[in-house]
Every structure is written in C-alpha cells, then in structure tokens.
Amino acid sequence: MKTHLKLVTVLFSSTIALFYTASSLAHAAHGTNQPWHACEEKKLNQSCQYELVNKLYIGSCQAANKVLMCVRNQPIIDIKNQHKTQQSAGTNEHAKKKE
C-alpha cells in the first residue's frame, strides 16, 4: 500500500512539474527586440507592427516593465503567402481583361 501511495505521489508531482515547465515555455522570450523597437517613438495604446521571418505582427503599444512594446492583437500575417496570393489575383485579373 505504501509503495502504491509513493507511486501516485511521484506521478502527481511529475505531472505538476511538467505543467509548469510547459506553461513557462509558452511565455519564453521573443528572441528579438523588434516588439520594443516598434514602439520606441510611440505612445501607450498607439497601433504598431513589425516583421519577423516573413510574418507581419500587428498590435498596439503596451507597457511592459515601464517600457513600451508592441503586443499583437491581430492574427499573424504570413507575408510570403500573402504576396503569392496577390500575384495570383493579379494574374487572374489580367486574364479576365484579355477576355
């Protein structure tokens, strides 16, 4: 019975530890200064945006540790795919004009 209780305690503790580890990884650092640079010349709640690895992040400037940073409040836009979609739409418009 004591062995069973120890096993349950170890499994429970491991589950809790795993939960906190995964939770902290979700809030890991950005790895870039772009969210802060996007708000260097702006005021609180002004709109902002920045690009990072073919993605466009759009949001508003919010205070984080007394410094403004761009906090996303819109879906992330894949710039590479958006450009391809626009090119495709332009080709379709060109084809329609020929008809």
PDB file of N, CA and C in Angstrom:
ATOM      1  N   MET A   1       0.824  -1.197   0.000  1.00  0.00           N
ATOM      2  CA  MET A   1       0.000   0.000   0.000  1.00  0.00           C
ATOM      3  C   MET A   1       0.863   1.254   0.000  1.00  0.00           C
ATOM      4  N   LYS A   2       1.958   1.242   0.805  1.00  0.00           N
ATOM      5  CA  LYS A   2       2.841   2.406   0.860  1.00  0.00           C
ATOM      6  C   LYS A   2       3.523   2.631  -0.486  1.00  0.00           C
ATOM      7  N   THR A   3       3.882   1.543  -1.168  1.00  0.00           N
ATOM      8  CA  THR A   3       4.523   1.660  -2.477  1.00  0.00           C
ATOM      9  C   THR A   3       3.558   2.305  -3.471  1.00  0.00           C
ATOM     10  N   HIS A   4       2.310   1.900  -3.416  1.00  0.00           N
ATOM     11  CA  HIS A   4       1.283   2.465  -4.297  1.00  0.00           C
ATOM     12  C   HIS A   4       1.122   3.967  -4.035  1.00  0.00           C
ATOM     13  N   LEU A   5       1.111   4.358  -2.774  1.00  0.00           N
ATOM     14  CA  LEU A   5       0.976   5.768  -2.411  1.00  0.00           C
ATOM     15  C   LEU A   5       2.179   6.575  -2.899  1.00  0.00           C
ATOM     16  N   LYS A   6       3.378   6.013  -2.777  1.00  0.00           N
ATOM     17  CA  LYS A   6       4.592   6.697  -3.251  1.00  0.00           C
ATOM     18  C   LYS A   6       4.534   6.880  -4.767  1.00  0.00           C
ATOM     19  N   LEU A   7       4.082   5.840  -5.466  1.00  0.00           N
ATOM     20  CA  LEU A   7       3.991   5.913  -6.922  1.00  0.00           C
ATOM     21  C   LEU A   7       3.001   6.997  -7.350  1.00  0.00           C
ATOM     22  N   VAL A   8       1.864   7.062  -6.699  1.00  0.00           N
ATOM     23  CA  VAL A   8       0.869   8.088  -7.010  1.00  0.00           C
ATOM     24  C   VAL A   8       1.434   9.475  -6.730  1.00  0.00           C
ATOM     25  N   THR A   9       2.142   9.629  -5.628  1.00  0.00           N
ATOM     26  CA  THR A   9       2.738  10.917  -5.274  1.00  0.00           C
ATOM     27  C   THR A   9       3.773  11.343  -6.313  1.00  0.00           C
ATOM     28  N   VAL A  10       4.614  10.415  -6.740  1.00  0.00           N
ATOM     29  CA  VAL A  10       5.641  10.723  -7.747  1.00  0.00           C
ATOM     30  C   VAL A  10       4.984  11.100  -9.076  1.00  0.00           C
ATOM     31  N   LEU A  11       3.984  10.349  -9.497  1.00  0.00           N
ATOM     32  CA  LEU A  11       3.299  10.660 -10.754  1.00  0.00           C
ATOM     33  C   LEU A  11       2.608  12.019 -10.696  1.00  0.00           C
ATOM     34  N   PHE A  12       1.969  12.308  -9.585  1.00  0.00           N
ATOM     35  CA  PHE A  12       1.298  13.592  -9.419  1.00  0.00           C
ATOM     36  C   PHE A  12       2.308  14.738  -9.467  1.00  0.00           C
ATOM     37  N   SER A  13       3.408  14.587  -8.738  1.00  0.00           N
ATOM     38  CA  SER A  13       4.450  15.625  -8.710  1.00  0.00           C
ATOM     39  C   SER A  13       5.050  15.838 -10.095  1.00  0.00           C
ATOM     40  N   SER A  14       5.283  14.748 -10.813  1.00  0.00           N
ATOM     41  CA  SER A  14       5.847  14.849 -12.165  1.00  0.00           C
ATOM     42  C   SER A  14       4.888  15.568 -13.107  1.00  0.00           C
ATOM     43  N   THR A  15       3.609  15.275 -12.977  1.00  0.00           N
ATOM     44  CA  THR A  15       2.600  15.928 -13.817  1.00  0.00           C
ATOM     45  C   THR A  15       2.557  17.424 -13.551  1.00  0.00           C
ATOM     46  N   ILE A  16       2.582  17.802 -12.292  1.00  0.00           N
ATOM     47  CA  ILE A  16       2.571  19.223 -11.926  1.00  0.00           C
ATOM     48  C   ILE A  16       3.827  19.911 -12.457  1.00  0.00           C
ATOM     49  N   ALA A  17       4.987  19.281 -12.302  1.00  0.00           N
ATOM     50  CA  ALA A  17       6.243  19.865 -12.790  1.00  0.00           C
ATOM     51  C   ALA A  17       6.208  20.044 -14.307  1.00  0.00           C
ATOM     52  N   LEU A  18       5.690  19.054 -15.011  1.00  0.00           N
ATOM     53  CA  LEU A  18       5.598  19.139 -16.468  1.00  0.00           C
ATOM     54  C   LEU A  18       4.668  20.271 -16.893  1.00  0.00           C
ATOM     55  N   PHE A  19       3.557  20.425 -16.192  1.00  0.00           N
ATOM     56  CA  PHE A  19       2.617  21.505 -16.488  1.00  0.00           C
ATOM     57  C   PHE A  19       3.292  22.867 -16.350  1.00  0.00           C
ATOM     58  N   TYR A  20       4.010  23.085 -15.262  1.00  0.00           N
ATOM     59  CA  TYR A  20       4.663  24.374 -15.051  1.00  0.00           C
ATOM     60  C   TYR A  20       5.786  24.612 -16.056  1.00  0.00           C
ATOM     61  N   THR A  21       6.491  23.568 -16.443  1.00  0.00           N
ATOM     62  CA  THR A  21       7.550  23.715 -17.445  1.00  0.00           C
ATOM     63  C   THR A  21       6.954  24.124 -18.787  1.00  0.00           C
ATOM     64  N   ALA A  22       5.903  23.445 -19.213  1.00  0.00           N
ATOM     65  CA  ALA A  22       5.255  23.773 -20.491  1.00  0.00           C
ATOM     66  C   ALA A  22       4.658  25.168 -20.448  1.00  0.00           C
ATOM     67  N   SER A  23       4.087  25.531 -19.324  1.00  0.00           N
ATOM     68  CA  SER A  23       3.490  26.852 -19.178  1.00  0.00           C
ATOM     69  C   SER A  23       4.543  27.946 -19.276  1.00  0.00           C
ATOM     70  N   SER A  24       5.686  27.734 -18.666  1.00  0.00           N
ATOM     71  CA  SER A  24       6.734  28.756 -18.716  1.00  0.00           C
ATOM     72  C   SER A  24       7.340  28.864 -20.109  1.00  0.00           C
ATOM     73  N   LEU A  25       7.406  27.774 -20.856  1.00  0.00           N
ATOM     74  CA  LEU A  25       7.929  27.836 -22.220  1.00  0.00           C
ATOM     75  C   LEU A  25       7.016  28.649 -23.125  1.00  0.00           C
ATOM     76  N   ALA A  26       5.734  28.630 -22.857  1.00  0.00           N
ATOM     77  CA  ALA A  26       4.793  29.412 -23.660  1.00  0.00           C
ATOM     78  C   ALA A  26       5.037  30.902 -23.498  1.00  0.00           C
ATOM     79  N   HIS A  27       5.646  31.288 -22.401  1.00  0.00           N
ATOM     80  CA  HIS A  27       5.926  32.698 -22.139  1.00  0.00           C
ATOM     81  C   HIS A  27       7.419  32.996 -22.236  1.00  0.00           C
ATOM     82  N   ALA A  28       8.137  32.207 -23.010  1.00  0.00           N
ATOM     83  CA  ALA A  28       9.576  32.410 -23.172  1.00  0.00           C
ATOM     84  C   ALA A  28       9.835  33.710 -23.927  1.00  0.00           C
ATOM     85  N   ALA A  29      11.055  34.161 -23.887  1.00  0.00           N
ATOM     86  CA  ALA A  29      11.436  35.426 -24.527  1.00  0.00           C
ATOM     87  C   ALA A  29      11.211  35.373 -26.034  1.00  0.00           C
ATOM     88  N   HIS A  30      11.016  36.541 -26.622  1.00  0.00           N
ATOM     89  CA  HIS A  30      10.788  36.646 -28.061  1.00  0.00           C
ATOM     90  C   HIS A  30      12.018  36.235 -28.861  1.00  0.00           C
ATOM     91  N   GLY A  31      13.195  36.513 -28.344  1.00  0.00           N
ATOM     92  CA  GLY A  31      14.401  36.241 -29.098  1.00  0.00           C
ATOM     93  C   GLY A  31      14.742  37.370 -30.056  1.00  0.00           C
ATOM     94  N   THR A  32      13.985  38.451 -30.014  1.00  0.00           N
ATOM     95  CA  THR A  32      14.226  39.613 -30.863  1.00  0.00           C
ATOM     96  C   THR A  32      13.800  40.873 -30.115  1.00  0.00           C
ATOM     97  N   ASN A  33      14.353  41.990 -30.520  1.00  0.00           N
ATOM     98  CA  ASN A  33      13.997  43.273 -29.903  1.00  0.00           C
ATOM     99  C   ASN A  33      12.942  44.023 -30.710  1.00  0.00           C
ATOM    100  N   GLN A  34      12.470  43.439 -31.787  1.00  0.00           N
ATOM    101  CA  GLN A  34      11.550  44.144 -32.678  1.00  0.00           C
ATOM    102  C   GLN A  34      10.257  44.616 -32.009  1.00  0.00           C
ATOM    103  N   PRO A  35       9.649  43.848 -31.089  1.00  0.00           N
ATOM    104  CA  PRO A  35       8.435  44.368 -30.442  1.00  0.00           C
ATOM    105  C   PRO A  35       8.692  45.673 -29.685  1.00  0.00           C
ATOM    106  N   TRP A  36       9.888  45.833 -29.128  1.00  0.00           N
ATOM    107  CA  TRP A  36      10.221  47.063 -28.407  1.00  0.00           C
ATOM    108  C   TRP A  36      10.580  48.185 -29.376  1.00  0.00           C
ATOM    109  N   HIS A  37      11.337  47.857 -30.414  1.00  0.00           N
ATOM    110  CA  HIS A  37      11.714  48.872 -31.414  1.00  0.00           C
ATOM    111  C   HIS A  37      10.483  49.445 -32.117  1.00  0.00           C
ATOM    112  N   ALA A  38       9.457  48.630 -32.296  1.00  0.00           N
ATOM    113  CA  ALA A  38       8.246  49.091 -32.986  1.00  0.00           C
ATOM    114  C   ALA A  38       7.534  50.200 -32.220  1.00  0.00           C
ATOM    115  N   CYS A  39       7.809  50.324 -30.916  1.00  0.00           N
ATOM    116  CA  CYS A  39       7.116  51.327 -30.087  1.00  0.00           C
ATOM    117  C   CYS A  39       8.049  52.395 -29.528  1.00  0.00           C
ATOM    118  N   GLU A  40       9.291  52.437 -30.008  1.00  0.00           N
ATOM    119  CA  GLU A  40      10.261  53.402 -29.471  1.00  0.00           C
ATOM    120  C   GLU A  40       9.780  54.841 -29.576  1.00  0.00           C
ATOM    121  N   GLU A  41       9.126  55.192 -30.654  1.00  0.00           N
ATOM    122  CA  GLU A  41       8.700  56.574 -30.890  1.00  0.00           C
ATOM    123  C   GLU A  41       7.186  56.732 -30.765  1.00  0.00           C
ATOM    124  N   LYS A  42       6.546  55.801 -30.074  1.00  0.00           N
ATOM    125  CA  LYS A  42       5.085  55.832 -29.974  1.00  0.00           C
ATOM    126  C   LYS A  42       4.641  55.975 -28.528  1.00  0.00           C
ATOM    127  N   LYS A  43       3.341  56.176 -28.371  1.00  0.00           N
ATOM    128  CA  LYS A  43       2.752  56.318 -27.040  1.00  0.00           C
ATOM    129  C   LYS A  43       1.909  55.087 -26.719  1.00  0.00           C
ATOM    130  N   LEU A  44       1.552  54.962 -25.462  1.00  0.00           N
ATOM    131  CA  LEU A  44       0.731  53.856 -24.994  1.00  0.00           C
ATOM    132  C   LEU A  44      -0.551  53.741 -25.823  1.00  0.00           C
ATOM    133  N   ASN A  45      -0.875  52.543 -26.232  1.00  0.00           N
ATOM    134  CA  ASN A  45      -2.077  52.187 -26.998  1.00  0.00           C
ATOM    135  C   ASN A  45      -2.057  52.605 -28.466  1.00  0.00           C
ATOM    136  N   GLN A  46      -0.968  53.208 -28.951  1.00  0.00           N
ATOM    137  CA  GLN A  46      -0.882  53.503 -30.388  1.00  0.00           C
ATOM    138  C   GLN A  46      -0.678  52.193 -31.140  1.00  0.00           C
ATOM    139  N   SER A  47      -1.173  52.152 -32.376  1.00  0.00           N
ATOM    140  CA  SER A  47      -1.005  50.940 -33.171  1.00  0.00           C
ATOM    141  C   SER A  47       0.455  50.782 -33.579  1.00  0.00           C
ATOM    142  N   CYS A  48       0.861  49.535 -33.765  1.00  0.00           N
ATOM    143  CA  CYS A  48       2.246  49.231 -34.128  1.00  0.00           C
ATOM    144  C   CYS A  48       2.267  47.947 -34.949  1.00  0.00           C
ATOM    145  N   GLN A  49       3.377  47.724 -35.598  1.00  0.00           N
ATOM    146  CA  GLN A  49       3.581  46.482 -36.336  1.00  0.00           C
ATOM    147  C   GLN A  49       5.065  46.262 -36.546  1.00  0.00           C
ATOM    148  N   TYR A  50       5.423  45.006 -36.747  1.00  0.00           N
ATOM    149  CA  TYR A  50       6.809  44.669 -37.059  1.00  0.00           C
ATOM    150  C   TYR A  50       6.830  43.361 -37.831  1.00  0.00           C
ATOM    151  N   GLU A  51       7.893  43.174 -38.624  1.00  0.00           N
ATOM    152  CA  GLU A  51       8.061  41.959 -39.416  1.00  0.00           C
ATOM    153  C   GLU A  51       9.135  41.097 -38.783  1.00  0.00           C
ATOM    154  N   LEU A  52       8.913  39.797 -38.851  1.00  0.00           N
ATOM    155  CA  LEU A  52       9.889  38.842 -38.331  1.00  0.00           C
ATOM    156  C   LEU A  52       9.727  37.536 -39.098  1.00  0.00           C
ATOM    157  N   VAL A  53      10.742  37.138 -39.812  1.00  0.00           N
ATOM    158  CA  VAL A  53      10.778  35.887 -40.572  1.00  0.00           C
ATOM    159  C   VAL A  53       9.525  35.713 -41.445  1.00  0.00           C
ATOM    160  N   ASN A  54       9.336  36.636 -42.369  1.00  0.00           N
ATOM    161  CA  ASN A  54       8.230  36.595 -43.338  1.00  0.00           C
ATOM    162  C   ASN A  54       6.846  36.614 -42.708  1.00  0.00           C
ATOM    163  N   LYS A  55       6.754  37.147 -41.509  1.00  0.00           N
ATOM    164  CA  LYS A  55       5.460  37.272 -40.841  1.00  0.00           C
ATOM    165  C   LYS A  55       5.297  38.700 -40.344  1.00  0.00           C
ATOM    166  N   LEU A  56       4.079  39.220 -40.447  1.00  0.00           N
ATOM    167  CA  LEU A  56       3.767  40.570 -40.004  1.00  0.00           C
ATOM    168  C   LEU A  56       2.935  40.484 -38.731  1.00  0.00           C
ATOM    169  N   TYR A  57       3.421  41.150 -37.689  1.00  0.00           N
ATOM    170  CA  TYR A  57       2.748  41.185 -36.393  1.00  0.00           C
ATOM    171  C   TYR A  57       2.152  42.577 -36.216  1.00  0.00           C
ATOM    172  N   ILE A  58       0.851  42.656 -35.968  1.00  0.00           N
ATOM    173  CA  ILE A  58       0.150  43.930 -35.820  1.00  0.00           C
ATOM    174  C   ILE A  58      -0.493  43.963 -34.441  1.00  0.00           C
ATOM    175  N   GLY A  59      -0.324  45.101 -33.758  1.00  0.00           N
ATOM    176  CA  GLY A  59      -0.906  45.214 -32.427  1.00  0.00           C
ATOM    177  C   GLY A  59      -0.930  46.645 -31.951  1.00  0.00           C
ATOM    178  N   SER A  60      -0.761  46.813 -30.639  1.00  0.00           N
ATOM    179  CA  SER A  60      -0.717  48.147 -30.046  1.00  0.00           C
ATOM    180  C   SER A  60       0.396  48.193 -29.012  1.00  0.00           C
ATOM    181  N   CYS A  61       0.897  49.390 -28.766  1.00  0.00           N
ATOM    182  CA  CYS A  61       1.995  49.571 -27.813  1.00  0.00           C
ATOM    183  C   CYS A  61       1.459  49.467 -26.386  1.00  0.00           C
ATOM    184  N   GLN A  62       2.031  48.572 -25.627  1.00  0.00           N
ATOM    185  CA  GLN A  62       1.621  48.343 -24.243  1.00  0.00           C
ATOM    186  C   GLN A  62       2.846  48.416 -23.342  1.00  0.00           C
ATOM    187  N   ALA A  63       2.622  48.777 -22.091  1.00  0.00           N
ATOM    188  CA  ALA A  63       3.719  48.908 -21.131  1.00  0.00           C
ATOM    189  C   ALA A  63       4.097  47.537 -20.580  1.00  0.00           C
ATOM    190  N   ALA A  64       5.388  47.226 -20.647  1.00  0.00           N
ATOM    191  CA  ALA A  64       5.934  46.002 -20.065  1.00  0.00           C
ATOM    192  C   ALA A  64       7.193  46.402 -19.308  1.00  0.00           C
ATOM    193  N   ASN A  65       7.148  46.313 -17.999  1.00  0.00           N
ATOM    194  CA  ASN A  65       8.273  46.755 -17.161  1.00  0.00           C
ATOM    195  C   ASN A  65       8.648  48.203 -17.453  1.00  0.00           C
ATOM    196  N   LYS A  66       7.642  49.057 -17.570  1.00  0.00           N
ATOM    197  CA  LYS A  66       7.801  50.502 -17.774  1.00  0.00           C
ATOM    198  C   LYS A  66       8.382  50.872 -19.136  1.00  0.00           C
ATOM    199  N   VAL A  67       8.420  49.924 -20.051  1.00  0.00           N
ATOM    200  CA  VAL A  67       8.901  50.174 -21.411  1.00  0.00           C
ATOM    201  C   VAL A  67       7.800  49.717 -22.363  1.00  0.00           C
ATOM    202  N   LEU A  68       7.569  50.487 -23.418  1.00  0.00           N
ATOM    203  CA  LEU A  68       6.532  50.109 -24.379  1.00  0.00           C
ATOM    204  C   LEU A  68       7.026  49.028 -25.327  1.00  0.00           C
ATOM    205  N   MET A  69       6.142  48.089 -25.614  1.00  0.00           N
ATOM    206  CA  MET A  69       6.434  47.056 -26.602  1.00  0.00           C
ATOM    207  C   MET A  69       5.169  46.787 -27.402  1.00  0.00           C
ATOM    208  N   CYS A  70       5.334  46.328 -28.618  1.00  0.00           N
ATOM    209  CA  CYS A  70       4.206  46.030 -29.495  1.00  0.00           C
ATOM    210  C   CYS A  70       3.619  44.673 -29.104  1.00  0.00           C
ATOM    211  N   VAL A  71       2.365  44.704 -28.674  1.00  0.00           N
ATOM    212  CA  VAL A  71       1.666  43.484 -28.276  1.00  0.00           C
ATOM    213  C   VAL A  71       0.638  43.167 -29.354  1.00  0.00           C
ATOM    214  N   ARG A  72       0.757  41.995 -29.929  1.00  0.00           N
ATOM    215  CA  ARG A  72      -0.096  41.593 -31.048  1.00  0.00           C
ATOM    216  C   ARG A  72      -1.553  41.482 -30.613  1.00  0.00           C
ATOM    217  N   ASN A  73      -2.460  42.063 -31.422  1.00  0.00           N
ATOM    218  CA  ASN A  73      -3.895  41.920 -31.175  1.00  0.00           C
ATOM    219  C   ASN A  73      -4.642  41.550 -32.461  1.00  0.00           C
ATOM    220  N   GLN A  74      -3.875  41.201 -33.489  1.00  0.00           N
ATOM    221  CA  GLN A  74      -4.426  40.770 -34.773  1.00  0.00           C
ATOM    222  C   GLN A  74      -3.792  39.430 -35.131  1.00  0.00           C
ATOM    223  N   PRO A  75      -4.424  38.659 -36.001  1.00  0.00           N
ATOM    224  CA  PRO A  75      -3.798  37.408 -36.447  1.00  0.00           C
ATOM    225  C   PRO A  75      -2.467  37.689 -37.141  1.00  0.00           C
ATOM    226  N   ILE A  76      -1.535  36.780 -37.007  1.00  0.00           N
ATOM    227  CA  ILE A  76      -0.233  36.907 -37.665  1.00  0.00           C
ATOM    228  C   ILE A  76      -0.442  36.724 -39.169  1.00  0.00           C
ATOM    229  N   ILE A  77       0.155  37.614 -39.954  1.00  0.00           N
ATOM    230  CA  ILE A  77       0.013  37.568 -41.410  1.00  0.00           C
ATOM    231  C   ILE A  77       1.280  36.972 -42.004  1.00  0.00           C
ATOM    232  N   ASP A  78       1.113  35.920 -42.793  1.00  0.00           N
ATOM    233  CA  ASP A  78       2.241  35.293 -43.476  1.00  0.00           C
ATOM    234  C   ASP A  78       2.517  36.103 -44.742  1.00  0.00           C
ATOM    235  N   ILE A  79       3.544  36.922 -44.705  1.00  0.00           N
ATOM    236  CA  ILE A  79       3.837  37.850 -45.804  1.00  0.00           C
ATOM    237  C   ILE A  79       4.156  37.104 -47.093  1.00  0.00           C
ATOM    238  N   LYS A  80       4.903  36.025 -47.006  1.00  0.00           N
ATOM    239  CA  LYS A  80       5.297  35.273 -48.195  1.00  0.00           C
ATOM    240  C   LYS A  80       4.063  34.730 -48.914  1.00  0.00           C
ATOM    241  N   ASN A  81       3.149  34.107 -48.178  1.00  0.00           N
ATOM    242  CA  ASN A  81       1.935  33.565 -48.794  1.00  0.00           C
ATOM    243  C   ASN A  81       1.008  34.667 -49.274  1.00  0.00           C
ATOM    244  N   GLN A  82       0.948  35.779 -48.549  1.00  0.00           N
ATOM    245  CA  GLN A  82       0.094  36.888 -48.961  1.00  0.00           C
ATOM    246  C   GLN A  82       0.583  37.450 -50.294  1.00  0.00           C
ATOM    247  N   HIS A  83       1.904  37.550 -50.459  1.00  0.00           N
ATOM    248  CA  HIS A  83       2.481  38.054 -51.702  1.00  0.00           C
ATOM    249  C   HIS A  83       2.124  37.120 -52.861  1.00  0.00           C
ATOM    250  N   LYS A  84       2.212  35.797 -52.630  1.00  0.00           N
ATOM    251  CA  LYS A  84       1.860  34.832 -53.673  1.00  0.00           C
ATOM    252  C   LYS A  84       0.385  34.948 -54.037  1.00  0.00           C
ATOM    253  N   THR A  85      -0.470  35.131 -53.032  1.00  0.00           N
ATOM    254  CA  THR A  85      -1.910  35.267 -53.266  1.00  0.00           C
ATOM    255  C   THR A  85      -2.195  36.519 -54.079  1.00  0.00           C
ATOM    256  N   GLN A  86      -1.520  37.626 -53.763  1.00  0.00           N
ATOM    257  CA  GLN A  86      -1.720  38.867 -54.506  1.00  0.00           C
ATOM    258  C   GLN A  86      -1.256  38.716 -55.944  1.00  0.00           C
ATOM    259  N   GLN A  87      -0.125  38.022 -56.157  1.00  0.00           N
ATOM    260  CA  GLN A  87       0.360  37.798 -57.513  1.00  0.00           C
ATOM    261  C   GLN A  87      -0.638  36.961 -58.298  1.00  0.00           C
ATOM    262  N   SER A  88      -1.170  35.934 -57.661  1.00  0.00           N
ATOM    263  CA  SER A  88      -2.146  35.064 -58.305  1.00  0.00           C
ATOM    264  C   SER A  88      -3.405  35.846 -58.661  1.00  0.00           C
ATOM    265  N   ALA A  89      -3.860  36.692 -57.773  1.00  0.00           N
ATOM    266  CA  ALA A  89      -5.046  37.514 -58.029  1.00  0.00           C
ATOM    267  C   ALA A  89      -4.779  38.471 -59.182  1.00  0.00           C
ATOM    268  N   GLY A  90      -3.582  39.035 -59.243  1.00  0.00           N
ATOM    269  CA  GLY A  90      -3.217  39.934 -60.333  1.00  0.00           C
ATOM    270  C   GLY A  90      -3.202  39.217 -61.665  1.00  0.00           C
ATOM    271  N   THR A  91      -2.727  37.987 -61.686  1.00  0.00           N
ATOM    272  CA  THR A  91      -2.709  37.185 -62.900  1.00  0.00           C
ATOM    273  C   THR A  91      -4.130  36.892 -63.356  1.00  0.00           C
ATOM    274  N   ASN A  92      -5.011  36.576 -62.414  1.00  0.00           N
ATOM    275  CA  ASN A  92      -6.408  36.307 -62.758  1.00  0.00           C
ATOM    276  C   ASN A  92      -7.087  37.552 -63.315  1.00  0.00           C
ATOM    277  N   GLU A  93      -6.812  38.723 -62.750  1.00  0.00           N
ATOM    278  CA  GLU A  93      -7.391  39.976 -63.254  1.00  0.00           C
ATOM    279  C   GLU A  93      -6.905  40.241 -64.672  1.00  0.00           C
ATOM    280  N   HIS A  94      -5.611  39.972 -64.924  1.00  0.00           N
ATOM    281  CA  HIS A  94      -5.034  40.177 -66.246  1.00  0.00           C
ATOM    282  C   HIS A  94      -5.716  39.253 -67.263  1.00  0.00           C
ATOM    283  N   ALA A  95      -5.972  38.017 -66.869  1.00  0.00           N
ATOM    284  CA  ALA A  95      -6.627  37.055 -67.759  1.00  0.00           C
ATOM    285  C   ALA A  95      -8.056  37.494 -68.060  1.00  0.00           C
ATOM    286  N   LYS A  96      -8.751  38.035 -67.072  1.00  0.00           N
ATOM    287  CA  LYS A  96     -10.131  38.493 -67.278  1.00  0.00           C
ATOM    288  C   LYS A  96     -10.181  39.660 -68.260  1.00  0.00           C
ATOM    289  N   LYS A  97      -9.188  40.553 -68.194  1.00  0.00           N
ATOM    290  CA  LYS A  97      -9.169  41.715 -69.083  1.00  0.00           C
ATOM    291  C   LYS A  97      -8.966  41.293 -70.532  1.00  0.00           C
ATOM    292  N   LYS A  98      -8.213  40.205 -70.763  1.00  0.00           N
ATOM    293  CA  LYS A  98      -7.957  39.728 -72.118  1.00  0.00           C
ATOM    294  C   LYS A  98      -9.220  39.173 -72.758  1.00  0.00           C
ATOM    295  N   GLU A  99     -10.125  38.651 -71.908  1.00  0.00           N
ATOM    296  CA  GLU A  99     -11.362  38.052 -72.446  1.00  0.00           C
ATOM    297  C   GLU A  99     -12.239  39.115 -72.947  1.00  0.00           C
TER     298      GLU A  99
END
